[in-house]
Structure formats: C-alpha cells, structure tokens
Amino acid sequence: MCTGGSPAASVAPKKVALEAAKASAKWRGQWHNGPEFFRMPLHYPRYTRVQYEAMEEAQLDFLLKEYGLPCNGDVAEKRKDAIGHFLWSEN
C-alpha cells in the first residue's frame, strides 16, 4: 500500500505556483507597458535651459509623452514641466 498523499494534494501546490507565476508575468507586463507609468527611453534628453525655452509646443508634447509624463496646460507650463523634469543644474 502506498503511504503518499492523494494525487490532488500533490497537484494543488503546483497549480498555486503556476497561478502565481501567471499573475507575476501579467503584473510585469503592465508595469513596463502601461500608458500610466513612467517610461525611460534609451537616451536622456540633453537640452539646455535656453533650448527648452525656445522649444515649440509640438516638440515639448512629444518629449513629455515619450517619457510618459503629462503634457497639460499651455506652452509655458509645458516648458516649466520639461525644465523641472530634465534639468538638474542651472544650465
């Protein structure tokens, strides 16, 4: 006579582990691909303050959207946001 557990008992932990792996993969996909999350393109923008202040609204929109940042408000607010997000010094 076999003294091991029932077949259902040995399948249950595997099923739980499989479900956890699926949930983890789904979460990772949402984290990297979701539109509501910050995205980091390959290169960080290297514009100066003067370049941001002269930048057209369409270019500011593209830049902010590329990084998953909101581009709300008028062009002055967008410039202020871009400068705040991307400039670390007073350049």
Protein backbone atom coordinates (compact mmCIF):
# COMPACT_ATOMS: atom_id res chain seq x y z
CA MET A 1 0.00 0.00 0.00
CA CYS A 2 1.28 3.45 -0.91
CA THR A 3 1.60 5.84 2.02
CA GLY A 4 1.87 9.07 -0.05
CA GLY A 5 -0.78 11.75 -0.15
CA SER A 6 -3.63 11.84 -2.58
CA PRO A 7 -2.93 12.89 -6.19
CA ALA A 8 -4.98 16.03 -5.66
CA ALA A 9 -2.73 17.07 -2.77
CA SER A 10 0.38 16.92 -4.96
CA VAL A 11 -1.26 18.88 -7.82
CA ALA A 12 -2.57 21.72 -5.63
CA PRO A 13 0.83 23.30 -4.80
CA LYS A 14 1.85 23.14 -8.48
CA LYS A 15 -1.40 24.81 -9.51
CA VAL A 16 -0.90 27.59 -6.94
CA ALA A 17 2.67 28.13 -8.13
CA LEU A 18 1.53 28.27 -11.76
CA GLU A 19 -1.19 30.82 -10.97
CA ALA A 20 1.33 32.95 -9.02
CA ALA A 21 3.74 32.88 -11.97
CA LYS A 22 0.98 33.96 -14.37
CA ALA A 23 -0.05 36.81 -12.09
CA SER A 24 3.57 37.91 -11.74
CA ALA A 25 4.09 37.89 -15.52
CA LYS A 26 0.90 39.86 -16.03
CA TRP A 27 1.99 42.44 -13.46
CA ARG A 28 5.41 42.79 -15.08
CA GLY A 29 3.83 43.38 -18.46
CA GLN A 30 1.58 46.09 -17.09
CA TRP A 31 4.47 47.72 -15.27
CA HIS A 32 6.61 48.07 -18.37
CA ASN A 33 3.96 48.64 -21.00
CA GLY A 34 1.19 50.53 -19.24
CA PRO A 35 0.48 54.04 -20.50
CA GLU A 36 0.07 55.35 -16.96
CA PHE A 37 3.64 54.52 -15.91
CA PHE A 38 6.88 56.42 -16.37
CA ARG A 39 8.85 55.16 -19.36
CA MET A 40 12.57 55.60 -19.83
CA PRO A 41 13.64 55.86 -23.46
CA LEU A 42 17.11 54.79 -24.45
CA HIS A 43 18.61 58.28 -24.18
CA TYR A 44 18.04 61.01 -21.62
CA PRO A 45 17.32 64.43 -23.18
CA ARG A 46 20.33 66.76 -23.14
CA TYR A 47 18.83 70.14 -23.85
CA THR A 48 19.87 73.35 -22.14
CA ARG A 49 17.50 75.75 -20.42
CA VAL A 50 17.76 78.08 -23.44
CA GLN A 51 16.79 75.23 -25.78
CA TYR A 52 13.77 74.30 -23.64
CA GLU A 53 12.67 77.95 -23.54
CA ALA A 54 12.85 78.17 -27.36
CA MET A 55 11.28 74.73 -27.98
CA GLU A 56 7.99 74.61 -29.90
CA GLU A 57 4.91 73.20 -28.23
CA ALA A 58 4.74 70.16 -30.52
CA GLN A 59 8.31 69.18 -29.62
CA LEU A 60 7.57 69.66 -25.90
CA ASP A 61 4.46 67.46 -26.25
CA PHE A 62 6.48 64.74 -27.99
CA LEU A 63 9.24 64.87 -25.37
CA LEU A 64 6.87 64.71 -22.40
CA LYS A 65 4.79 61.91 -23.95
CA GLU A 66 7.92 59.93 -24.81
CA TYR A 67 8.72 59.77 -21.10
CA GLY A 68 5.12 59.06 -20.08
CA LEU A 69 4.73 62.46 -18.43
CA PRO A 70 1.56 64.54 -18.58
CA CYS A 71 1.55 67.36 -21.11
CA ASN A 72 -1.26 69.50 -19.76
CA GLY A 73 -1.62 73.26 -19.82
CA ASP A 74 -0.30 75.92 -22.12
CA VAL A 75 3.15 76.02 -23.69
CA ALA A 76 4.63 77.99 -20.75
CA GLU A 77 3.50 75.29 -18.29
CA LYS A 78 4.88 72.55 -20.53
CA ARG A 79 8.25 74.31 -20.72
CA LYS A 80 8.30 74.69 -16.95
CA ASP A 81 7.48 70.97 -16.54
CA ALA A 82 10.16 69.89 -19.03
CA ILE A 83 12.78 72.08 -17.37
CA GLY A 84 11.76 70.76 -13.95
CA HIS A 85 11.88 67.13 -15.06
CA PHE A 86 15.00 67.10 -17.20
CA LEU A 87 17.39 69.80 -15.97
CA TRP A 88 19.39 69.04 -12.88
CA SER A 89 21.53 72.15 -12.88
CA GLU A 90 21.04 75.75 -13.89
CA ASN A 91 22.22 75.14 -17.49
